[in-house]
Amino acid sequence: MSEINLTKPELKNMLKEVHCITSINYSQYAFSFIKRRTELFMNSNKIISDIDFIYKINKSPGFAGQFLETVFVPDSEFFRDAEMWNFLENKLLPKFSGKKNIKIHLPYCTGGKELYSLLYILNENPGNLNISIMVSAVTDVHLKRIKSGKFDYPDIKVSVKNIELLNSANNSEDIFHHSNKSYKVKNDFKGQLNFEVCDFFNNKYFSDFDIIICRNSFIYFNKELHEKAVKTITRSLKKGGYLIIGANETIGDPEKRKYKKINKVLSIYKKK
């Protein structure tokens, strides 16, 4: 089977059909990213054309779910950008000391590594017990994977260098316990953990979060979706709340957005 090379009109028609079936709009993702992920899906499922794709996605509802699963890139490593996790533990969380309730949101989750990295860090801060975490994902497949909290050895191996840079752990044995070839993060989280299937950027009822962690998603958005993402997150964040995005991501001009960047290197912002 020859490699597929979608044109913009072909991809546009396909994404329009996906939107009709799933209510999820991918048209504002960066063209190169969504094109690459769609072609990957087509090749792996022996789909030969945009017409063939549209036919199959309408014939089988499960096919649309498989497509969503392929498009979203699972978070790649535990404790990715370890300096951010150290900052969160040692500088940011202490600012909430004595606060009765802390609300944290992790939108657009896929694989669960961000969540369980966070739960481990929170486990190292037993004084903050009144914490509520919202985990939202676009598909129930993602949430099922996240809820299981199970990971394979390759997930652990790729994270070893990150773990070595953590202030609160010496090696992976401090963080994981395993049985039957699967690994789980050691944590004793006593707060409230909520899961929601939704398209975060099209929901208006999420609000009043103290911290939003949305890392390494903005890089896949085009200009319009990036703008929408920042506005949605800003609306969902309390005044004085903190936004954490990927190390190589930006929200644009912090002053115009009414944010203050609180670390010169890390992409961590405080809403004014």
C-alpha atoms as a PDB file:
ATOM      1  CA  MET A   1       0.000   0.000   0.000  1.00  0.00           C
ATOM      2  CA  SER A   2       1.422   3.366  -1.006  1.00  0.00           C
ATOM      3  CA  GLU A   3       1.909   6.164   1.488  1.00  0.00           C
ATOM      4  CA  ILE A   4      -0.997   8.590   1.720  1.00  0.00           C
ATOM      5  CA  ASN A   5      -0.425  12.294   1.154  1.00  0.00           C
ATOM      6  CA  LEU A   6      -3.598  14.202   2.017  1.00  0.00           C
ATOM      7  CA  THR A   7      -4.332  17.588   0.507  1.00  0.00           C
ATOM      8  CA  LYS A   8      -5.835  20.383   2.604  1.00  0.00           C
ATOM      9  CA  PRO A   9      -9.299  20.089   0.959  1.00  0.00           C
ATOM     10  CA  GLU A  10      -9.329  16.317   1.515  1.00  0.00           C
ATOM     11  CA  LEU A  11      -8.337  16.663   5.155  1.00  0.00           C
ATOM     12  CA  LYS A  12     -10.848  19.472   5.662  1.00  0.00           C
ATOM     13  CA  ASN A  13     -13.705  17.272   4.412  1.00  0.00           C
ATOM     14  CA  MET A  14     -12.593  14.387   6.618  1.00  0.00           C
ATOM     15  CA  LEU A  15     -12.366  16.536   9.727  1.00  0.00           C
ATOM     16  CA  LYS A  16     -15.767  18.018   8.962  1.00  0.00           C
ATOM     17  CA  GLU A  17     -17.205  14.498   8.990  1.00  0.00           C
ATOM     18  CA  VAL A  18     -15.425  13.705  12.262  1.00  0.00           C
ATOM     19  CA  HIS A  19     -16.922  16.865  13.742  1.00  0.00           C
ATOM     20  CA  CYS A  20     -20.422  15.826  12.691  1.00  0.00           C
ATOM     21  CA  ILE A  21     -20.058  12.394  14.284  1.00  0.00           C
ATOM     22  CA  THR A  22     -18.114  13.240  17.450  1.00  0.00           C
ATOM     23  CA  SER A  23     -18.834  16.976  17.961  1.00  0.00           C
ATOM     24  CA  ILE A  24     -15.074  17.458  18.234  1.00  0.00           C
ATOM     25  CA  ASN A  25     -13.524  20.026  15.920  1.00  0.00           C
ATOM     26  CA  TYR A  26     -10.001  19.253  14.752  1.00  0.00           C
ATOM     27  CA  SER A  27      -9.938  21.886  12.024  1.00  0.00           C
ATOM     28  CA  GLN A  28      -8.013  24.287  14.262  1.00  0.00           C
ATOM     29  CA  TYR A  29      -5.149  21.951  14.983  1.00  0.00           C
ATOM     30  CA  ALA A  30      -1.851  22.708  13.288  1.00  0.00           C
ATOM     31  CA  PHE A  31      -2.149  21.364   9.744  1.00  0.00           C
ATOM     32  CA  SER A  32       1.140  19.455   9.757  1.00  0.00           C
ATOM     33  CA  PHE A  33       0.236  17.738  13.038  1.00  0.00           C
ATOM     34  CA  ILE A  34      -3.322  16.689  12.191  1.00  0.00           C
ATOM     35  CA  LYS A  35      -2.269  15.648   8.680  1.00  0.00           C
ATOM     36  CA  ARG A  36       0.497  13.422  10.041  1.00  0.00           C
ATOM     37  CA  ARG A  37      -1.731  11.788  12.677  1.00  0.00           C
ATOM     38  CA  THR A  38      -4.599  11.251  10.206  1.00  0.00           C
ATOM     39  CA  GLU A  39      -2.314   9.652   7.635  1.00  0.00           C
ATOM     40  CA  LEU A  40      -0.913   7.409  10.366  1.00  0.00           C
ATOM     41  CA  PHE A  41      -4.437   6.277  11.214  1.00  0.00           C
ATOM     42  CA  MET A  42      -5.303   5.690   7.555  1.00  0.00           C
ATOM     43  CA  ASN A  43      -2.174   3.667   6.844  1.00  0.00           C
ATOM     44  CA  SER A  44      -2.571   1.507   9.937  1.00  0.00           C
ATOM     45  CA  ASN A  45      -6.222   0.797   9.042  1.00  0.00           C
ATOM     46  CA  LYS A  46      -5.661   0.287   5.298  1.00  0.00           C
ATOM     47  CA  ILE A  47      -7.783   3.279   4.316  1.00  0.00           C
ATOM     48  CA  ILE A  48      -6.878   4.324   0.808  1.00  0.00           C
ATOM     49  CA  SER A  49      -8.554   7.730   0.394  1.00  0.00           C
ATOM     50  CA  ASP A  50     -10.565  10.489   2.041  1.00  0.00           C
ATOM     51  CA  ILE A  51     -13.731   8.991   0.517  1.00  0.00           C
ATOM     52  CA  ASP A  52     -12.899   5.598   1.995  1.00  0.00           C
ATOM     53  CA  PHE A  53     -12.280   7.252   5.381  1.00  0.00           C
ATOM     54  CA  ILE A  54     -15.640   9.067   5.344  1.00  0.00           C
ATOM     55  CA  TYR A  55     -17.452   5.879   4.348  1.00  0.00           C
ATOM     56  CA  LYS A  56     -15.902   3.793   7.113  1.00  0.00           C
ATOM     57  CA  ILE A  57     -16.263   6.397   9.845  1.00  0.00           C
ATOM     58  CA  ASN A  58     -19.995   6.621   9.080  1.00  0.00           C
ATOM     59  CA  LYS A  59     -20.448   2.886   8.803  1.00  0.00           C
ATOM     60  CA  SER A  60     -18.900   2.098  12.176  1.00  0.00           C
ATOM     61  CA  PRO A  61     -19.239   4.447  15.206  1.00  0.00           C
ATOM     62  CA  GLY A  62     -16.319   2.671  16.853  1.00  0.00           C
ATOM     63  CA  PHE A  63     -14.117   3.778  13.975  1.00  0.00           C
ATOM     64  CA  ALA A  64     -14.519   7.406  15.031  1.00  0.00           C
ATOM     65  CA  GLY A  65     -13.341   6.477  18.517  1.00  0.00           C
ATOM     66  CA  GLN A  66     -10.287   4.758  17.086  1.00  0.00           C
ATOM     67  CA  PHE A  67      -9.506   7.896  15.123  1.00  0.00           C
ATOM     68  CA  LEU A  68      -9.721  10.077  18.258  1.00  0.00           C
ATOM     69  CA  GLU A  69      -7.407   7.666  20.035  1.00  0.00           C
ATOM     70  CA  THR A  70      -4.830   7.993  17.251  1.00  0.00           C
ATOM     71  CA  VAL A  71      -4.992  11.776  16.973  1.00  0.00           C
ATOM     72  CA  PHE A  72      -4.219  12.514  20.602  1.00  0.00           C
ATOM     73  CA  VAL A  73      -0.588  11.978  21.548  1.00  0.00           C
ATOM     74  CA  PRO A  74      -0.249  10.324  24.989  1.00  0.00           C
ATOM     75  CA  ASP A  75       1.782  12.293  27.507  1.00  0.00           C
ATOM     76  CA  SER A  76       5.221  10.870  26.971  1.00  0.00           C
ATOM     77  CA  GLU A  77       7.056  10.716  30.300  1.00  0.00           C
ATOM     78  CA  PHE A  78       6.598  10.760  34.043  1.00  0.00           C
ATOM     79  CA  PHE A  79       7.953  13.970  35.595  1.00  0.00           C
ATOM     80  CA  ARG A  80       8.779  15.450  32.202  1.00  0.00           C
ATOM     81  CA  ASP A  81      10.670  18.728  32.759  1.00  0.00           C
ATOM     82  CA  ALA A  82      11.675  17.730  36.281  1.00  0.00           C
ATOM     83  CA  GLU A  83      12.577  21.295  37.236  1.00  0.00           C
ATOM     84  CA  MET A  84       8.887  22.188  36.882  1.00  0.00           C
ATOM     85  CA  TRP A  85       7.856  19.435  39.296  1.00  0.00           C
ATOM     86  CA  ASN A  86      10.536  20.565  41.762  1.00  0.00           C
ATOM     87  CA  PHE A  87       9.237  24.128  41.488  1.00  0.00           C
ATOM     88  CA  LEU A  88       5.666  22.957  41.986  1.00  0.00           C
ATOM     89  CA  GLU A  89       6.610  21.011  45.095  1.00  0.00           C
ATOM     90  CA  ASN A  90       9.014  23.445  46.712  1.00  0.00           C
ATOM     91  CA  LYS A  91       7.775  26.873  45.608  1.00  0.00           C
ATOM     92  CA  LEU A  92       4.191  26.742  44.378  1.00  0.00           C
ATOM     93  CA  LEU A  93       2.322  24.335  46.644  1.00  0.00           C
ATOM     94  CA  PRO A  94       3.630  25.981  49.842  1.00  0.00           C
ATOM     95  CA  LYS A  95       1.830  29.170  48.742  1.00  0.00           C
ATOM     96  CA  PHE A  96      -1.432  27.323  49.433  1.00  0.00           C
ATOM     97  CA  SER A  97      -0.444  26.293  52.942  1.00  0.00           C
ATOM     98  CA  GLY A  98      -3.405  26.720  55.275  1.00  0.00           C
ATOM     99  CA  LYS A  99      -5.901  27.147  52.432  1.00  0.00           C
ATOM    100  CA  LYS A 100      -9.065  25.141  53.084  1.00  0.00           C
ATOM    101  CA  ASN A 101      -9.694  24.004  49.519  1.00  0.00           C
ATOM    102  CA  ILE A 102      -7.459  23.750  46.469  1.00  0.00           C
ATOM    103  CA  LYS A 103      -8.922  23.009  43.025  1.00  0.00           C
ATOM    104  CA  ILE A 104      -6.628  21.688  40.288  1.00  0.00           C
ATOM    105  CA  HIS A 105      -7.561  20.896  36.688  1.00  0.00           C
ATOM    106  CA  LEU A 106      -5.698  18.741  34.183  1.00  0.00           C
ATOM    107  CA  PRO A 107      -7.522  19.202  30.850  1.00  0.00           C
ATOM    108  CA  TYR A 108      -7.022  17.174  27.666  1.00  0.00           C
ATOM    109  CA  CYS A 109      -5.428  14.228  29.480  1.00  0.00           C
ATOM    110  CA  THR A 110      -4.540  11.148  27.472  1.00  0.00           C
ATOM    111  CA  GLY A 111      -2.196   8.720  29.198  1.00  0.00           C
ATOM    112  CA  GLY A 112      -2.238   9.620  32.888  1.00  0.00           C
ATOM    113  CA  LYS A 113       1.453  10.269  33.439  1.00  0.00           C
ATOM    114  CA  GLU A 114       0.859  13.946  34.248  1.00  0.00           C
ATOM    115  CA  LEU A 115      -1.828  13.033  36.781  1.00  0.00           C
ATOM    116  CA  TYR A 116       0.193  10.400  38.595  1.00  0.00           C
ATOM    117  CA  SER A 117       3.290  12.589  38.588  1.00  0.00           C
ATOM    118  CA  LEU A 118       1.139  15.201  40.317  1.00  0.00           C
ATOM    119  CA  LEU A 119      -0.288  12.691  42.812  1.00  0.00           C
ATOM    120  CA  TYR A 120       3.224  11.647  43.800  1.00  0.00           C
ATOM    121  CA  ILE A 121       4.266  15.258  44.338  1.00  0.00           C
ATOM    122  CA  LEU A 122       1.125  15.873  46.406  1.00  0.00           C
ATOM    123  CA  ASN A 123       1.938  12.782  48.431  1.00  0.00           C
ATOM    124  CA  GLU A 124       5.141  14.532  49.458  1.00  0.00           C
ATOM    125  CA  ASN A 125       3.060  17.439  50.802  1.00  0.00           C
ATOM    126  CA  PRO A 126       0.771  15.759  53.368  1.00  0.00           C
ATOM    127  CA  GLY A 127      -0.280  19.102  54.886  1.00  0.00           C
ATOM    128  CA  ASN A 128      -2.463  19.925  51.861  1.00  0.00           C
ATOM    129  CA  LEU A 129      -5.308  17.449  52.330  1.00  0.00           C
ATOM    130  CA  ASN A 130      -8.286  19.413  51.011  1.00  0.00           C
ATOM    131  CA  ILE A 131      -7.419  19.105  47.346  1.00  0.00           C
ATOM    132  CA  SER A 132      -9.849  18.461  44.510  1.00  0.00           C
ATOM    133  CA  ILE A 133      -8.464  17.392  41.136  1.00  0.00           C
ATOM    134  CA  MET A 134     -10.490  17.432  37.934  1.00  0.00           C
ATOM    135  CA  VAL A 135      -9.169  15.272  35.096  1.00  0.00           C
ATOM    136  CA  SER A 136     -10.883  15.864  31.763  1.00  0.00           C
ATOM    137  CA  ALA A 137     -10.314  13.941  28.533  1.00  0.00           C
ATOM    138  CA  VAL A 138     -11.906  13.883  25.124  1.00  0.00           C
ATOM    139  CA  THR A 139     -12.595  10.127  25.025  1.00  0.00           C
ATOM    140  CA  ASP A 140     -13.726   7.519  27.533  1.00  0.00           C
ATOM    141  CA  VAL A 141     -10.890   5.299  26.269  1.00  0.00           C
ATOM    142  CA  HIS A 142      -8.410   7.832  27.617  1.00  0.00           C
ATOM    143  CA  LEU A 143     -10.196   8.071  30.948  1.00  0.00           C
ATOM    144  CA  LYS A 144     -10.354   4.291  31.315  1.00  0.00           C
ATOM    145  CA  ARG A 145      -6.605   4.121  30.766  1.00  0.00           C
ATOM    146  CA  ILE A 146      -5.948   6.958  33.194  1.00  0.00           C
ATOM    147  CA  LYS A 147      -8.197   5.545  35.921  1.00  0.00           C
ATOM    148  CA  SER A 148      -6.398   2.188  35.829  1.00  0.00           C
ATOM    149  CA  GLY A 149      -3.141   3.871  36.845  1.00  0.00           C
ATOM    150  CA  LYS A 150      -1.225   0.976  35.288  1.00  0.00           C
ATOM    151  CA  PHE A 151       1.935   1.470  33.250  1.00  0.00           C
ATOM    152  CA  ASP A 152       4.463  -0.731  31.483  1.00  0.00           C
ATOM    153  CA  TYR A 153       8.199  -0.968  31.966  1.00  0.00           C
ATOM    154  CA  PRO A 154       8.995   1.188  28.888  1.00  0.00           C
ATOM    155  CA  ASP A 155       6.977   3.998  30.543  1.00  0.00           C
ATOM    156  CA  ILE A 156       9.211   3.722  33.589  1.00  0.00           C
ATOM    157  CA  LYS A 157      12.474   3.338  31.682  1.00  0.00           C
ATOM    158  CA  VAL A 158      11.981   6.499  29.620  1.00  0.00           C
ATOM    159  CA  SER A 159      11.345   8.459  32.825  1.00  0.00           C
ATOM    160  CA  VAL A 160      14.477   7.431  34.749  1.00  0.00           C
ATOM    161  CA  LYS A 161      16.470  10.562  33.878  1.00  0.00           C
ATOM    162  CA  ASN A 162      13.578  12.779  34.966  1.00  0.00           C
ATOM    163  CA  ILE A 163      13.312  10.956  38.289  1.00  0.00           C
ATOM    164  CA  GLU A 164      17.026  11.396  38.940  1.00  0.00           C
ATOM    165  CA  LEU A 165      16.464  15.170  38.824  1.00  0.00           C
ATOM    166  CA  LEU A 166      13.610  15.189  41.343  1.00  0.00           C
ATOM    167  CA  ASN A 167      14.270  16.577  44.792  1.00  0.00           C
ATOM    168  CA  SER A 168      11.858  14.160  46.443  1.00  0.00           C
ATOM    169  CA  ALA A 169      13.081  10.836  45.014  1.00  0.00           C
ATOM    170  CA  ASN A 170      16.379   9.069  44.435  1.00  0.00           C
ATOM    171  CA  ASN A 171      15.309   6.459  41.894  1.00  0.00           C
ATOM    172  CA  SER A 172      12.276   4.813  40.309  1.00  0.00           C
ATOM    173  CA  GLU A 173      11.946   2.370  43.226  1.00  0.00           C
ATOM    174  CA  ASP A 174      10.977   5.325  45.416  1.00  0.00           C
ATOM    175  CA  ILE A 175       8.070   6.113  43.110  1.00  0.00           C
ATOM    176  CA  PHE A 176       6.720   2.874  41.639  1.00  0.00           C
ATOM    177  CA  HIS A 177       5.641  -0.515  42.868  1.00  0.00           C
ATOM    178  CA  HIS A 178       4.952  -3.289  40.379  1.00  0.00           C
ATOM    179  CA  SER A 179       3.273  -6.654  40.006  1.00  0.00           C
ATOM    180  CA  ASN A 180       2.454  -8.831  37.004  1.00  0.00           C
ATOM    181  CA  LYS A 181       4.652  -6.663  34.763  1.00  0.00           C
ATOM    182  CA  SER A 182       2.612  -3.520  35.427  1.00  0.00           C
ATOM    183  CA  TYR A 183       3.660  -0.499  37.472  1.00  0.00           C
ATOM    184  CA  LYS A 184       1.712   1.905  39.666  1.00  0.00           C
ATOM    185  CA  VAL A 185       2.770   5.163  41.261  1.00  0.00           C
ATOM    186  CA  LYS A 186       3.008   5.112  45.036  1.00  0.00           C
ATOM    187  CA  ASN A 187       0.667   7.750  46.391  1.00  0.00           C
ATOM    188  CA  ASP A 188      -1.624   8.324  49.319  1.00  0.00           C
ATOM    189  CA  PHE A 189      -3.826  11.013  47.848  1.00  0.00           C
ATOM    190  CA  LYS A 190      -6.609  11.823  50.289  1.00  0.00           C
ATOM    191  CA  GLY A 191      -8.380  14.486  48.258  1.00  0.00           C
ATOM    192  CA  GLN A 192     -11.160  14.278  45.700  1.00  0.00           C
ATOM    193  CA  LEU A 193     -10.384  12.955  42.223  1.00  0.00           C
ATOM    194  CA  ASN A 194     -12.985  13.604  39.511  1.00  0.00           C
ATOM    195  CA  PHE A 195     -13.016  12.437  35.899  1.00  0.00           C
ATOM    196  CA  GLU A 196     -14.948  13.982  33.025  1.00  0.00           C
ATOM    197  CA  VAL A 197     -15.263  13.142  29.328  1.00  0.00           C
ATOM    198  CA  CYS A 198     -15.583  16.416  27.446  1.00  0.00           C
ATOM    199  CA  ASP A 199     -14.000  18.779  24.981  1.00  0.00           C
ATOM    200  CA  PHE A 200     -12.588  21.210  27.527  1.00  0.00           C
ATOM    201  CA  PHE A 201     -12.376  24.139  25.121  1.00  0.00           C
ATOM    202  CA  ASN A 202     -16.094  23.887  24.327  1.00  0.00           C
ATOM    203  CA  ASN A 203     -17.264  23.699  27.939  1.00  0.00           C
ATOM    204  CA  LYS A 204     -18.104  26.836  29.880  1.00  0.00           C
ATOM    205  CA  TYR A 205     -18.942  25.378  33.264  1.00  0.00           C
ATOM    206  CA  PHE A 206     -15.398  24.599  34.400  1.00  0.00           C
ATOM    207  CA  SER A 207     -14.258  27.477  36.609  1.00  0.00           C
ATOM    208  CA  ASP A 208     -12.624  28.672  39.810  1.00  0.00           C
ATOM    209  CA  PHE A 209      -9.501  26.532  39.646  1.00  0.00           C
ATOM    210  CA  ASP A 210      -6.447  27.450  41.697  1.00  0.00           C
ATOM    211  CA  ILE A 211      -4.053  25.613  39.373  1.00  0.00           C
ATOM    212  CA  ILE A 212      -4.481  24.459  35.772  1.00  0.00           C
ATOM    213  CA  ILE A 213      -1.837  22.144  34.357  1.00  0.00           C
ATOM    214  CA  CYS A 214      -2.141  21.965  30.572  1.00  0.00           C
ATOM    215  CA  ARG A 215       1.282  21.045  29.272  1.00  0.00           C
ATOM    216  CA  ASN A 216       2.459  20.167  25.775  1.00  0.00           C
ATOM    217  CA  SER A 217      -0.897  20.610  24.076  1.00  0.00           C
ATOM    218  CA  PHE A 218      -0.580  24.177  22.756  1.00  0.00           C
ATOM    219  CA  ILE A 219       2.168  23.091  20.371  1.00  0.00           C
ATOM    220  CA  TYR A 220      -0.433  21.172  18.343  1.00  0.00           C
ATOM    221  CA  PHE A 221      -2.849  24.094  17.962  1.00  0.00           C
ATOM    222  CA  ASN A 222      -3.040  26.632  15.178  1.00  0.00           C
ATOM    223  CA  LYS A 223      -3.288  30.334  16.023  1.00  0.00           C
ATOM    224  CA  GLU A 224      -7.076  30.349  16.397  1.00  0.00           C
ATOM    225  CA  LEU A 225      -7.256  27.311  18.690  1.00  0.00           C
ATOM    226  CA  HIS A 226      -4.317  28.595  20.732  1.00  0.00           C
ATOM    227  CA  GLU A 227      -6.236  31.825  21.310  1.00  0.00           C
ATOM    228  CA  LYS A 228      -9.376  29.919  22.256  1.00  0.00           C
ATOM    229  CA  ALA A 229      -7.421  27.679  24.624  1.00  0.00           C
ATOM    230  CA  VAL A 230      -5.845  30.598  26.461  1.00  0.00           C
ATOM    231  CA  LYS A 231      -9.194  32.404  26.794  1.00  0.00           C
ATOM    232  CA  THR A 232     -10.967  29.253  28.044  1.00  0.00           C
ATOM    233  CA  ILE A 233      -8.265  28.524  30.595  1.00  0.00           C
ATOM    234  CA  THR A 234      -8.186  32.146  31.738  1.00  0.00           C
ATOM    235  CA  ARG A 235     -11.934  32.072  32.273  1.00  0.00           C
ATOM    236  CA  SER A 236     -11.584  28.850  34.283  1.00  0.00           C
ATOM    237  CA  LEU A 237      -8.806  30.138  36.531  1.00  0.00           C
ATOM    238  CA  LYS A 238      -9.316  32.106  39.733  1.00  0.00           C
ATOM    239  CA  LYS A 239      -7.682  35.481  40.165  1.00  0.00           C
ATOM    240  CA  GLY A 240      -4.306  34.732  41.678  1.00  0.00           C
ATOM    241  CA  GLY A 241      -4.452  31.202  40.241  1.00  0.00           C
ATOM    242  CA  TYR A 242      -1.591  29.530  38.426  1.00  0.00           C
ATOM    243  CA  LEU A 243      -1.337  28.212  34.870  1.00  0.00           C
ATOM    244  CA  ILE A 244       1.374  25.675  34.026  1.00  0.00           C
ATOM    245  CA  ILE A 245       2.064  24.892  30.357  1.00  0.00           C
ATOM    246  CA  GLY A 246       4.885  23.129  28.524  1.00  0.00           C
ATOM    247  CA  ALA A 247       8.437  24.415  28.747  1.00  0.00           C
ATOM    248  CA  ASN A 248       8.443  25.357  25.048  1.00  0.00           C
ATOM    249  CA  GLU A 249       4.927  26.816  25.018  1.00  0.00           C
ATOM    250  CA  THR A 250       3.680  30.344  25.535  1.00  0.00           C
ATOM    251  CA  ILE A 251       0.420  32.190  26.154  1.00  0.00           C
ATOM    252  CA  GLY A 252       1.621  35.207  24.189  1.00  0.00           C
ATOM    253  CA  ASP A 253       2.170  38.544  25.930  1.00  0.00           C
ATOM    254  CA  PRO A 254       1.545  37.897  29.665  1.00  0.00           C
ATOM    255  CA  GLU A 255       0.807  41.560  30.376  1.00  0.00           C
ATOM    256  CA  LYS A 256      -1.918  41.756  27.737  1.00  0.00           C
ATOM    257  CA  ARG A 257      -3.359  38.494  29.042  1.00  0.00           C
ATOM    258  CA  LYS A 258      -3.245  39.874  32.591  1.00  0.00           C
ATOM    259  CA  TYR A 259      -0.788  37.250  33.739  1.00  0.00           C
ATOM    260  CA  LYS A 260       2.572  37.442  35.436  1.00  0.00           C
ATOM    261  CA  LYS A 261       5.257  34.919  34.533  1.00  0.00           C
ATOM    262  CA  ILE A 262       6.601  33.813  37.896  1.00  0.00           C
ATOM    263  CA  ASN A 263       9.669  31.950  36.651  1.00  0.00           C
ATOM    264  CA  LYS A 264      12.050  33.173  33.968  1.00  0.00           C
ATOM    265  CA  VAL A 265      12.737  29.678  32.604  1.00  0.00           C
ATOM    266  CA  LEU A 266       9.579  27.698  33.307  1.00  0.00           C
ATOM    267  CA  SER A 267       6.244  28.433  31.630  1.00  0.00           C
ATOM    268  CA  ILE A 268       4.336  29.076  34.868  1.00  0.00           C
ATOM    269  CA  TYR A 269       2.016  32.065  35.040  1.00  0.00           C
ATOM    270  CA  LYS A 270      -0.034  33.740  37.762  1.00  0.00           C
ATOM    271  CA  LYS A 271      -3.363  35.315  36.845  1.00  0.00           C
ATOM    272  CA  LYS A 272      -3.531  38.920  38.041  1.00  0.00           C
END
